[in-house]
N, C-alpha and C. Protein backbone atom coordinates (compact mmCIF):
# COMPACT_ATOMS: atom_id res chain seq x y z
N MET A 1 -19.85 5.04 -15.07
CA MET A 1 -18.72 4.75 -14.19
C MET A 1 -18.80 3.29 -13.75
N ILE A 2 -17.68 2.63 -13.76
CA ILE A 2 -17.61 1.23 -13.31
C ILE A 2 -17.08 1.26 -11.88
N GLY A 3 -17.89 0.81 -10.92
CA GLY A 3 -17.51 0.88 -9.51
C GLY A 3 -17.02 -0.43 -8.93
N ARG A 4 -17.47 -1.56 -9.52
CA ARG A 4 -17.07 -2.86 -8.99
C ARG A 4 -17.25 -3.91 -10.08
N LEU A 5 -16.35 -4.88 -10.08
CA LEU A 5 -16.43 -5.99 -11.02
C LEU A 5 -16.28 -7.31 -10.28
N THR A 6 -17.08 -8.28 -10.66
CA THR A 6 -16.95 -9.63 -10.11
C THR A 6 -16.82 -10.59 -11.29
N GLY A 7 -15.79 -11.41 -11.24
CA GLY A 7 -15.58 -12.35 -12.33
C GLY A 7 -14.43 -13.29 -12.06
N LEU A 8 -14.02 -13.99 -13.09
CA LEU A 8 -12.93 -14.95 -12.99
C LEU A 8 -11.62 -14.30 -13.44
N ILE A 9 -10.56 -14.60 -12.73
CA ILE A 9 -9.25 -14.07 -13.11
C ILE A 9 -8.76 -14.87 -14.31
N ALA A 10 -8.65 -14.18 -15.46
CA ALA A 10 -8.21 -14.84 -16.69
C ALA A 10 -6.69 -14.80 -16.83
N GLU A 11 -6.07 -13.67 -16.44
CA GLU A 11 -4.62 -13.52 -16.55
C GLU A 11 -4.10 -12.70 -15.39
N LYS A 12 -2.87 -13.00 -14.99
CA LYS A 12 -2.18 -12.23 -13.95
C LYS A 12 -0.77 -11.92 -14.44
N ASN A 13 -0.55 -10.67 -14.83
CA ASN A 13 0.77 -10.20 -15.26
C ASN A 13 1.05 -8.91 -14.51
N PRO A 14 1.77 -8.98 -13.39
CA PRO A 14 1.93 -7.80 -12.54
C PRO A 14 2.40 -6.57 -13.31
N PRO A 15 1.82 -5.44 -13.05
CA PRO A 15 0.75 -5.12 -12.10
C PRO A 15 -0.64 -5.17 -12.74
N GLN A 16 -0.80 -5.91 -13.82
CA GLN A 16 -2.07 -5.94 -14.52
C GLN A 16 -2.71 -7.32 -14.43
N ILE A 17 -4.04 -7.31 -14.38
CA ILE A 17 -4.78 -8.56 -14.45
C ILE A 17 -5.88 -8.40 -15.50
N VAL A 18 -6.39 -9.52 -15.97
CA VAL A 18 -7.57 -9.52 -16.83
C VAL A 18 -8.65 -10.28 -16.07
N LEU A 19 -9.79 -9.60 -15.88
CA LEU A 19 -10.92 -10.18 -15.15
C LEU A 19 -12.02 -10.48 -16.15
N ASP A 20 -12.40 -11.75 -16.27
CA ASP A 20 -13.45 -12.17 -17.19
C ASP A 20 -14.80 -12.02 -16.49
N VAL A 21 -15.59 -11.06 -16.97
CA VAL A 21 -16.91 -10.81 -16.40
C VAL A 21 -17.94 -11.11 -17.48
N GLY A 22 -18.57 -12.26 -17.37
CA GLY A 22 -19.59 -12.65 -18.35
C GLY A 22 -19.07 -12.71 -19.77
N GLY A 23 -17.86 -13.16 -19.97
CA GLY A 23 -17.29 -13.30 -21.31
C GLY A 23 -16.55 -12.06 -21.81
N VAL A 24 -16.56 -10.97 -21.04
CA VAL A 24 -15.83 -9.75 -21.40
C VAL A 24 -14.61 -9.65 -20.50
N GLY A 25 -13.45 -9.52 -21.09
CA GLY A 25 -12.21 -9.42 -20.31
C GLY A 25 -11.85 -7.97 -20.03
N TYR A 26 -11.87 -7.59 -18.77
CA TYR A 26 -11.49 -6.24 -18.36
C TYR A 26 -10.04 -6.23 -17.90
N GLU A 27 -9.23 -5.36 -18.49
CA GLU A 27 -7.84 -5.19 -18.04
C GLU A 27 -7.84 -4.18 -16.91
N LEU A 28 -7.26 -4.57 -15.78
CA LEU A 28 -7.18 -3.68 -14.63
C LEU A 28 -5.74 -3.60 -14.15
N ASP A 29 -5.29 -2.40 -13.85
CA ASP A 29 -4.01 -2.22 -13.17
C ASP A 29 -4.32 -2.24 -11.68
N VAL A 30 -3.53 -2.99 -10.93
CA VAL A 30 -3.75 -3.10 -9.49
C VAL A 30 -2.45 -2.85 -8.74
N PRO A 31 -2.53 -2.31 -7.50
CA PRO A 31 -1.31 -2.19 -6.70
C PRO A 31 -0.85 -3.59 -6.31
N MET A 32 0.43 -3.72 -6.02
CA MET A 32 0.97 -5.04 -5.67
C MET A 32 0.33 -5.60 -4.40
N SER A 33 -0.10 -4.72 -3.50
CA SER A 33 -0.78 -5.19 -2.28
C SER A 33 -2.05 -5.95 -2.64
N THR A 34 -2.76 -5.52 -3.65
CA THR A 34 -3.95 -6.24 -4.13
C THR A 34 -3.52 -7.47 -4.90
N PHE A 35 -2.54 -7.32 -5.78
CA PHE A 35 -2.09 -8.42 -6.64
C PHE A 35 -1.71 -9.66 -5.82
N TYR A 36 -0.93 -9.46 -4.75
CA TYR A 36 -0.47 -10.59 -3.94
C TYR A 36 -1.60 -11.28 -3.19
N ASN A 37 -2.70 -10.59 -2.97
CA ASN A 37 -3.82 -11.17 -2.22
C ASN A 37 -4.93 -11.71 -3.11
N LEU A 38 -4.74 -11.66 -4.41
CA LEU A 38 -5.74 -12.20 -5.34
C LEU A 38 -5.66 -13.72 -5.39
N PRO A 39 -6.79 -14.37 -5.64
CA PRO A 39 -6.74 -15.83 -5.82
C PRO A 39 -6.06 -16.15 -7.16
N GLY A 40 -5.84 -17.42 -7.43
CA GLY A 40 -5.16 -17.83 -8.65
C GLY A 40 -6.02 -17.66 -9.89
N ALA A 41 -5.39 -17.85 -11.06
CA ALA A 41 -6.09 -17.75 -12.33
C ALA A 41 -7.23 -18.76 -12.37
N GLY A 42 -8.35 -18.34 -12.92
CA GLY A 42 -9.52 -19.20 -13.02
C GLY A 42 -10.44 -19.12 -11.82
N GLU A 43 -10.02 -18.43 -10.77
CA GLU A 43 -10.85 -18.31 -9.58
C GLU A 43 -11.62 -17.00 -9.59
N ARG A 44 -12.72 -16.99 -8.86
CA ARG A 44 -13.63 -15.85 -8.82
C ARG A 44 -13.17 -14.82 -7.78
N THR A 45 -13.32 -13.54 -8.12
CA THR A 45 -12.98 -12.47 -7.19
C THR A 45 -13.83 -11.24 -7.50
N THR A 46 -13.90 -10.34 -6.53
CA THR A 46 -14.58 -9.06 -6.69
C THR A 46 -13.57 -7.96 -6.42
N LEU A 47 -13.52 -6.99 -7.33
CA LEU A 47 -12.62 -5.86 -7.18
C LEU A 47 -13.41 -4.56 -7.24
N LEU A 48 -13.09 -3.65 -6.33
CA LEU A 48 -13.61 -2.30 -6.42
C LEU A 48 -12.77 -1.60 -7.47
N THR A 49 -13.36 -0.70 -8.23
CA THR A 49 -12.61 -0.12 -9.34
C THR A 49 -12.63 1.41 -9.33
N HIS A 50 -11.67 1.94 -10.05
CA HIS A 50 -11.61 3.37 -10.34
C HIS A 50 -11.42 3.46 -11.85
N PHE A 51 -12.35 4.13 -12.51
CA PHE A 51 -12.33 4.25 -13.97
C PHE A 51 -11.86 5.64 -14.34
N ALA A 52 -10.83 5.73 -15.18
CA ALA A 52 -10.28 7.02 -15.58
C ALA A 52 -10.32 7.15 -17.10
N VAL A 53 -10.83 8.28 -17.56
CA VAL A 53 -10.85 8.57 -18.99
C VAL A 53 -9.88 9.71 -19.22
N ARG A 54 -8.89 9.44 -20.07
CA ARG A 54 -7.90 10.47 -20.40
C ARG A 54 -7.83 10.60 -21.92
N GLU A 55 -7.06 11.57 -22.34
CA GLU A 55 -6.89 11.82 -23.76
C GLU A 55 -6.35 10.60 -24.50
N ASP A 56 -5.44 9.88 -23.85
CA ASP A 56 -4.78 8.75 -24.50
C ASP A 56 -5.45 7.40 -24.26
N GLY A 57 -6.62 7.38 -23.61
CA GLY A 57 -7.32 6.12 -23.42
C GLY A 57 -8.18 6.06 -22.18
N HIS A 58 -8.82 4.92 -22.02
CA HIS A 58 -9.63 4.64 -20.84
C HIS A 58 -8.87 3.63 -19.99
N PHE A 59 -8.83 3.87 -18.68
CA PHE A 59 -8.03 3.03 -17.80
C PHE A 59 -8.87 2.59 -16.60
N LEU A 60 -8.68 1.35 -16.21
CA LEU A 60 -9.42 0.78 -15.10
C LEU A 60 -8.43 0.28 -14.05
N TYR A 61 -8.65 0.67 -12.81
CA TYR A 61 -7.77 0.28 -11.70
C TYR A 61 -8.60 -0.53 -10.70
N GLY A 62 -8.03 -1.60 -10.17
CA GLY A 62 -8.77 -2.47 -9.26
C GLY A 62 -8.15 -2.55 -7.88
N PHE A 63 -9.02 -2.74 -6.87
CA PHE A 63 -8.59 -2.77 -5.47
C PHE A 63 -9.44 -3.79 -4.71
N LEU A 64 -8.80 -4.49 -3.78
CA LEU A 64 -9.53 -5.45 -2.96
C LEU A 64 -10.28 -4.79 -1.81
N SER A 65 -9.84 -3.61 -1.38
CA SER A 65 -10.51 -2.97 -0.24
C SER A 65 -10.89 -1.53 -0.56
N GLU A 66 -11.91 -1.07 0.13
CA GLU A 66 -12.35 0.32 -0.01
C GLU A 66 -11.25 1.28 0.45
N ALA A 67 -10.49 0.87 1.47
CA ALA A 67 -9.41 1.72 1.98
C ALA A 67 -8.36 1.98 0.90
N GLU A 68 -8.01 0.94 0.13
CA GLU A 68 -7.03 1.11 -0.95
C GLU A 68 -7.55 2.05 -2.02
N ARG A 69 -8.81 1.87 -2.40
CA ARG A 69 -9.38 2.73 -3.44
C ARG A 69 -9.46 4.18 -2.95
N PHE A 70 -9.86 4.36 -1.70
CA PHE A 70 -9.95 5.70 -1.12
C PHE A 70 -8.58 6.38 -1.13
N ALA A 71 -7.54 5.64 -0.70
CA ALA A 71 -6.18 6.19 -0.67
C ALA A 71 -5.71 6.52 -2.09
N PHE A 72 -6.00 5.64 -3.04
CA PHE A 72 -5.63 5.87 -4.44
C PHE A 72 -6.26 7.17 -4.95
N ARG A 73 -7.54 7.36 -4.67
CA ARG A 73 -8.23 8.57 -5.12
C ARG A 73 -7.68 9.82 -4.43
N ARG A 74 -7.32 9.69 -3.16
CA ARG A 74 -6.70 10.82 -2.45
C ARG A 74 -5.37 11.19 -3.09
N LEU A 75 -4.59 10.17 -3.44
CA LEU A 75 -3.29 10.41 -4.06
C LEU A 75 -3.44 11.10 -5.41
N LEU A 76 -4.45 10.70 -6.19
CA LEU A 76 -4.66 11.30 -7.51
C LEU A 76 -5.02 12.77 -7.43
N LYS A 77 -5.57 13.21 -6.32
CA LYS A 77 -5.96 14.62 -6.16
C LYS A 77 -4.76 15.54 -5.92
N ILE A 78 -3.61 14.95 -5.64
CA ILE A 78 -2.41 15.73 -5.38
C ILE A 78 -1.76 16.13 -6.70
N SER A 79 -1.46 17.39 -6.85
CA SER A 79 -0.85 17.91 -8.06
C SER A 79 0.46 17.18 -8.37
N GLY A 80 0.58 16.71 -9.60
CA GLY A 80 1.81 16.04 -10.01
C GLY A 80 1.83 14.55 -9.74
N ILE A 81 0.78 14.02 -9.11
CA ILE A 81 0.72 12.58 -8.82
C ILE A 81 -0.26 11.95 -9.80
N GLY A 82 0.25 11.05 -10.60
CA GLY A 82 -0.59 10.33 -11.55
C GLY A 82 -0.91 8.94 -11.05
N ALA A 83 -1.62 8.21 -11.87
CA ALA A 83 -2.05 6.86 -11.49
C ALA A 83 -0.86 5.93 -11.24
N ARG A 84 0.18 6.01 -12.07
CA ARG A 84 1.35 5.13 -11.88
C ARG A 84 2.02 5.39 -10.53
N THR A 85 2.18 6.65 -10.19
CA THR A 85 2.80 6.99 -8.92
C THR A 85 1.92 6.55 -7.75
N ALA A 86 0.61 6.76 -7.88
CA ALA A 86 -0.32 6.34 -6.82
C ALA A 86 -0.27 4.82 -6.63
N LEU A 87 -0.21 4.07 -7.74
CA LEU A 87 -0.08 2.61 -7.63
C LEU A 87 1.24 2.23 -6.99
N ALA A 88 2.32 2.95 -7.32
CA ALA A 88 3.63 2.66 -6.74
C ALA A 88 3.60 2.88 -5.22
N VAL A 89 2.95 3.95 -4.78
CA VAL A 89 2.85 4.23 -3.34
C VAL A 89 2.10 3.10 -2.64
N LEU A 90 0.96 2.68 -3.22
CA LEU A 90 0.17 1.62 -2.59
C LEU A 90 0.81 0.25 -2.75
N SER A 91 1.73 0.11 -3.69
CA SER A 91 2.47 -1.14 -3.82
C SER A 91 3.60 -1.20 -2.80
N GLY A 92 4.14 -0.02 -2.45
CA GLY A 92 5.26 0.05 -1.51
C GLY A 92 4.85 0.07 -0.05
N LEU A 93 3.65 0.58 0.23
CA LEU A 93 3.16 0.69 1.61
C LEU A 93 1.69 0.29 1.66
N SER A 94 1.31 -0.40 2.72
CA SER A 94 -0.12 -0.67 2.91
C SER A 94 -0.80 0.65 3.27
N VAL A 95 -2.11 0.69 3.21
CA VAL A 95 -2.84 1.91 3.55
C VAL A 95 -2.57 2.30 5.00
N ASP A 96 -2.53 1.31 5.90
CA ASP A 96 -2.23 1.59 7.31
C ASP A 96 -0.84 2.19 7.47
N ASP A 97 0.14 1.61 6.75
CA ASP A 97 1.51 2.12 6.83
C ASP A 97 1.62 3.53 6.25
N LEU A 98 0.91 3.77 5.16
CA LEU A 98 0.91 5.09 4.55
C LEU A 98 0.29 6.11 5.50
N ALA A 99 -0.84 5.74 6.11
CA ALA A 99 -1.50 6.65 7.06
C ALA A 99 -0.60 6.94 8.25
N ALA A 100 0.11 5.91 8.74
CA ALA A 100 1.02 6.09 9.87
C ALA A 100 2.20 6.98 9.48
N ALA A 101 2.74 6.76 8.27
CA ALA A 101 3.87 7.58 7.80
C ALA A 101 3.45 9.04 7.66
N VAL A 102 2.24 9.26 7.18
CA VAL A 102 1.73 10.64 7.03
C VAL A 102 1.51 11.26 8.41
N ALA A 103 0.90 10.49 9.32
CA ALA A 103 0.63 11.01 10.67
C ALA A 103 1.91 11.38 11.39
N ARG A 104 2.98 10.59 11.19
CA ARG A 104 4.25 10.84 11.87
C ARG A 104 5.22 11.66 11.02
N GLN A 105 4.77 12.02 9.81
CA GLN A 105 5.60 12.80 8.88
C GLN A 105 6.94 12.11 8.62
N GLU A 106 6.90 10.82 8.32
CA GLU A 106 8.10 10.02 8.07
C GLU A 106 8.46 10.04 6.58
N ILE A 107 9.24 10.98 6.19
CA ILE A 107 9.63 11.12 4.78
C ILE A 107 10.48 9.93 4.33
N GLY A 108 11.26 9.37 5.23
CA GLY A 108 12.15 8.25 4.91
C GLY A 108 11.42 7.03 4.37
N ARG A 109 10.22 6.78 4.86
CA ARG A 109 9.45 5.62 4.38
C ARG A 109 8.95 5.84 2.96
N LEU A 110 8.66 7.09 2.62
CA LEU A 110 8.13 7.37 1.29
C LEU A 110 9.22 7.39 0.23
N VAL A 111 10.39 7.91 0.55
CA VAL A 111 11.46 7.99 -0.46
C VAL A 111 12.03 6.62 -0.82
N LYS A 112 11.71 5.59 -0.04
CA LYS A 112 12.16 4.24 -0.36
C LYS A 112 11.31 3.62 -1.47
N ILE A 113 10.19 4.24 -1.79
CA ILE A 113 9.31 3.74 -2.84
C ILE A 113 9.88 4.17 -4.19
N PRO A 114 10.04 3.23 -5.13
CA PRO A 114 10.58 3.58 -6.45
C PRO A 114 9.74 4.68 -7.11
N GLY A 115 10.42 5.71 -7.61
CA GLY A 115 9.74 6.80 -8.28
C GLY A 115 9.34 7.96 -7.38
N ILE A 116 9.58 7.83 -6.08
CA ILE A 116 9.24 8.89 -5.14
C ILE A 116 10.53 9.52 -4.63
N GLY A 117 10.73 10.76 -5.03
CA GLY A 117 11.89 11.51 -4.57
C GLY A 117 11.54 12.32 -3.34
N LYS A 118 12.50 13.07 -2.86
CA LYS A 118 12.31 13.85 -1.63
C LYS A 118 11.21 14.90 -1.79
N LYS A 119 11.21 15.62 -2.90
CA LYS A 119 10.21 16.67 -3.09
C LYS A 119 8.80 16.09 -3.21
N THR A 120 8.68 14.99 -3.93
CA THR A 120 7.36 14.35 -4.07
C THR A 120 6.90 13.83 -2.71
N ALA A 121 7.81 13.23 -1.95
CA ALA A 121 7.47 12.71 -0.62
C ALA A 121 7.01 13.84 0.29
N GLU A 122 7.71 14.98 0.24
CA GLU A 122 7.31 16.13 1.06
C GLU A 122 5.92 16.61 0.68
N ARG A 123 5.63 16.65 -0.63
CA ARG A 123 4.32 17.08 -1.10
C ARG A 123 3.23 16.10 -0.64
N LEU A 124 3.53 14.80 -0.73
CA LEU A 124 2.58 13.79 -0.26
C LEU A 124 2.26 13.96 1.21
N LEU A 125 3.30 14.14 2.02
CA LEU A 125 3.09 14.31 3.46
C LEU A 125 2.26 15.54 3.77
N LEU A 126 2.52 16.61 3.05
CA LEU A 126 1.79 17.86 3.26
C LEU A 126 0.33 17.73 2.83
N GLU A 127 0.12 17.20 1.63
CA GLU A 127 -1.24 17.13 1.06
C GLU A 127 -2.12 16.07 1.74
N LEU A 128 -1.52 14.99 2.23
CA LEU A 128 -2.31 13.91 2.83
C LEU A 128 -2.53 14.08 4.33
N LYS A 129 -1.85 15.04 4.93
CA LYS A 129 -1.94 15.22 6.38
C LYS A 129 -3.40 15.36 6.82
N GLY A 130 -3.82 14.46 7.70
CA GLY A 130 -5.17 14.49 8.23
C GLY A 130 -6.23 13.90 7.32
N LYS A 131 -5.86 13.44 6.12
CA LYS A 131 -6.84 12.93 5.16
C LYS A 131 -6.91 11.41 5.08
N LEU A 132 -5.96 10.72 5.70
CA LEU A 132 -5.98 9.25 5.67
C LEU A 132 -6.19 8.64 7.04
N ALA A 133 -6.24 9.44 8.07
CA ALA A 133 -6.33 8.92 9.43
C ALA A 133 -7.56 8.06 9.64
N GLU A 134 -8.71 8.48 9.09
CA GLU A 134 -9.94 7.72 9.30
C GLU A 134 -9.92 6.38 8.58
N VAL A 135 -9.16 6.28 7.48
CA VAL A 135 -9.09 5.02 6.73
C VAL A 135 -8.03 4.11 7.30
N GLY A 136 -6.84 4.66 7.56
CA GLY A 136 -5.72 3.85 8.03
C GLY A 136 -5.80 3.51 9.50
N GLY A 137 -6.63 4.20 10.25
CA GLY A 137 -6.74 3.92 11.67
C GLY A 137 -5.69 4.65 12.50
N ALA A 138 -4.84 5.46 11.86
CA ALA A 138 -3.82 6.19 12.60
C ALA A 138 -4.38 7.52 13.08
N THR A 139 -4.02 7.91 14.26
CA THR A 139 -4.42 9.20 14.78
C THR A 139 -3.25 10.14 14.64
N PRO A 140 -3.43 11.27 13.95
CA PRO A 140 -2.30 12.17 13.73
C PRO A 140 -1.61 12.56 15.02
N GLY A 141 -0.26 12.45 14.98
CA GLY A 141 0.54 12.88 16.12
C GLY A 141 0.60 11.90 17.27
N VAL A 142 -0.12 10.79 17.21
CA VAL A 142 -0.12 9.84 18.31
C VAL A 142 0.46 8.53 17.83
N ALA A 143 1.54 8.11 18.44
CA ALA A 143 2.13 6.82 18.08
C ALA A 143 1.33 5.72 18.75
N VAL A 144 0.96 4.71 17.97
CA VAL A 144 0.15 3.62 18.49
C VAL A 144 0.91 2.85 19.54
N ASN A 145 2.15 2.54 19.26
CA ASN A 145 2.96 1.80 20.20
C ASN A 145 4.41 2.18 19.94
N ASP A 146 5.00 2.96 20.84
CA ASP A 146 6.35 3.48 20.62
C ASP A 146 7.38 2.37 20.45
N ALA A 147 7.27 1.30 21.22
CA ALA A 147 8.24 0.20 21.13
C ALA A 147 8.19 -0.42 19.73
N ARG A 148 7.00 -0.67 19.22
CA ARG A 148 6.85 -1.28 17.90
C ARG A 148 7.39 -0.34 16.81
N ASP A 149 7.15 0.95 16.98
CA ASP A 149 7.68 1.93 16.03
C ASP A 149 9.21 1.93 16.05
N ASP A 150 9.77 1.86 17.25
CA ASP A 150 11.23 1.85 17.39
C ASP A 150 11.83 0.59 16.77
N ILE A 151 11.16 -0.55 16.96
CA ILE A 151 11.64 -1.81 16.38
C ILE A 151 11.60 -1.71 14.86
N LEU A 152 10.50 -1.21 14.31
CA LEU A 152 10.38 -1.07 12.87
C LEU A 152 11.46 -0.14 12.32
N ASN A 153 11.64 0.99 12.94
CA ASN A 153 12.66 1.94 12.49
C ASN A 153 14.07 1.35 12.58
N ALA A 154 14.32 0.56 13.61
CA ALA A 154 15.63 -0.08 13.75
C ALA A 154 15.87 -1.07 12.61
N LEU A 155 14.85 -1.86 12.28
CA LEU A 155 14.99 -2.84 11.20
C LEU A 155 15.20 -2.14 9.85
N LEU A 156 14.48 -1.05 9.64
CA LEU A 156 14.65 -0.28 8.40
C LEU A 156 16.06 0.32 8.33
N ALA A 157 16.56 0.80 9.46
CA ALA A 157 17.90 1.38 9.51
C ALA A 157 18.97 0.32 9.26
N LEU A 158 18.68 -0.92 9.61
CA LEU A 158 19.63 -2.01 9.39
C LEU A 158 19.59 -2.53 7.94
N GLY A 159 18.72 -1.95 7.13
CA GLY A 159 18.71 -2.30 5.71
C GLY A 159 17.60 -3.23 5.27
N TYR A 160 16.74 -3.66 6.18
CA TYR A 160 15.61 -4.50 5.78
C TYR A 160 14.56 -3.62 5.11
N ASN A 161 13.84 -4.19 4.13
CA ASN A 161 12.81 -3.38 3.48
C ASN A 161 11.53 -3.38 4.32
N ASP A 162 10.59 -2.53 3.93
CA ASP A 162 9.34 -2.38 4.67
C ASP A 162 8.60 -3.71 4.84
N LYS A 163 8.53 -4.47 3.75
CA LYS A 163 7.79 -5.73 3.78
C LYS A 163 8.40 -6.71 4.78
N GLU A 164 9.73 -6.87 4.74
CA GLU A 164 10.41 -7.79 5.66
C GLU A 164 10.24 -7.34 7.11
N ALA A 165 10.46 -6.04 7.35
CA ALA A 165 10.37 -5.51 8.70
C ALA A 165 8.97 -5.64 9.27
N THR A 166 7.97 -5.33 8.46
CA THR A 166 6.58 -5.42 8.91
C THR A 166 6.19 -6.86 9.18
N ALA A 167 6.63 -7.79 8.32
CA ALA A 167 6.32 -9.21 8.52
C ALA A 167 6.92 -9.72 9.83
N ALA A 168 8.15 -9.33 10.12
CA ALA A 168 8.80 -9.74 11.37
C ALA A 168 8.08 -9.13 12.57
N LEU A 169 7.68 -7.88 12.44
CA LEU A 169 7.00 -7.17 13.52
C LEU A 169 5.67 -7.84 13.88
N LYS A 170 4.98 -8.35 12.87
CA LYS A 170 3.68 -9.00 13.10
C LYS A 170 3.83 -10.29 13.91
N GLN A 171 5.00 -10.89 13.89
CA GLN A 171 5.22 -12.15 14.60
C GLN A 171 5.63 -11.95 16.06
N LEU A 172 5.86 -10.70 16.45
CA LEU A 172 6.30 -10.41 17.81
C LEU A 172 5.11 -10.26 18.75
N PRO A 173 5.30 -10.56 20.04
CA PRO A 173 4.22 -10.34 21.01
C PRO A 173 3.84 -8.86 21.07
N ALA A 174 2.59 -8.58 21.37
CA ALA A 174 2.08 -7.20 21.37
C ALA A 174 2.79 -6.30 22.38
N ASP A 175 3.20 -6.85 23.49
CA ASP A 175 3.77 -6.02 24.57
C ASP A 175 5.30 -6.12 24.65
N VAL A 176 5.94 -6.47 23.55
CA VAL A 176 7.39 -6.68 23.56
C VAL A 176 8.12 -5.34 23.78
N ALA A 177 9.21 -5.41 24.54
CA ALA A 177 10.06 -4.23 24.76
C ALA A 177 10.94 -4.00 23.53
N THR A 178 11.42 -2.80 23.36
CA THR A 178 12.19 -2.44 22.16
C THR A 178 13.41 -3.34 21.94
N ALA A 179 14.26 -3.44 22.94
CA ALA A 179 15.51 -4.23 22.78
C ALA A 179 15.20 -5.69 22.49
N ASP A 180 14.26 -6.27 23.25
CA ASP A 180 13.88 -7.67 23.02
C ASP A 180 13.25 -7.85 21.66
N GLY A 181 12.44 -6.90 21.26
CA GLY A 181 11.76 -6.97 19.97
C GLY A 181 12.74 -6.94 18.81
N ILE A 182 13.75 -6.09 18.91
CA ILE A 182 14.75 -6.01 17.85
C ILE A 182 15.51 -7.34 17.77
N ARG A 183 15.89 -7.86 18.93
CA ARG A 183 16.62 -9.13 18.97
C ARG A 183 15.78 -10.26 18.34
N GLN A 184 14.50 -10.35 18.76
CA GLN A 184 13.62 -11.41 18.25
C GLN A 184 13.37 -11.24 16.74
N ALA A 185 13.18 -10.00 16.31
CA ALA A 185 12.93 -9.74 14.89
C ALA A 185 14.15 -10.13 14.05
N LEU A 186 15.34 -9.84 14.55
CA LEU A 186 16.55 -10.20 13.81
C LEU A 186 16.70 -11.72 13.71
N LYS A 187 16.32 -12.44 14.77
CA LYS A 187 16.35 -13.90 14.72
C LYS A 187 15.38 -14.42 13.67
N LEU A 188 14.16 -13.83 13.65
CA LEU A 188 13.16 -14.24 12.66
C LEU A 188 13.64 -13.96 11.23
N LEU A 189 14.23 -12.81 11.04
CA LEU A 189 14.69 -12.43 9.70
C LEU A 189 15.90 -13.23 9.25
N SER A 190 16.70 -13.72 10.19
CA SER A 190 17.87 -14.50 9.80
C SER A 190 17.48 -15.91 9.36
N LYS A 191 16.29 -16.37 9.76
CA LYS A 191 15.82 -17.71 9.37
C LYS A 191 15.25 -17.73 7.96
N VAL A 192 14.93 -16.55 7.43
CA VAL A 192 14.28 -16.47 6.13
C VAL A 192 15.25 -16.75 5.00
């Protein structure tokens, strides 16, 4: 089993990279959350890996954090969820966002991910309930900050995607009220 690789990034073609480890190029599929945080071609990096052997080949998946790999492995244990779907979920939501969506049973956040329909989202919520809280930092049933949740939901309802809404939310003061937060977030998003 290959658990970790350290080497130079030889190629970056989303969602795949080639990592040169001592003259051997390993092809790894990575979620977009990992892909965007990788250094440029020719630079050194370390990736945690998941190695899968199937009838049609051997496949290697790479992750920058243990939380991403853990979530990926949890997703693979769900009936009907393959590696492509698991990568799509981790590309559409960070591990923290996925854990929060599962804790709050937010089906709407999951169905926005390409390839995830209502039935698959329901199965994910059911199967992952209580299994990602320790990794994502979310406590089931407890909202970390109701105002921030309301601001995020308002931005999503207005048509902004998860990435845009989350980026705007990160720029707001920690103790912002809901109405002020929505107003400030919309100003930030209009400048982009």
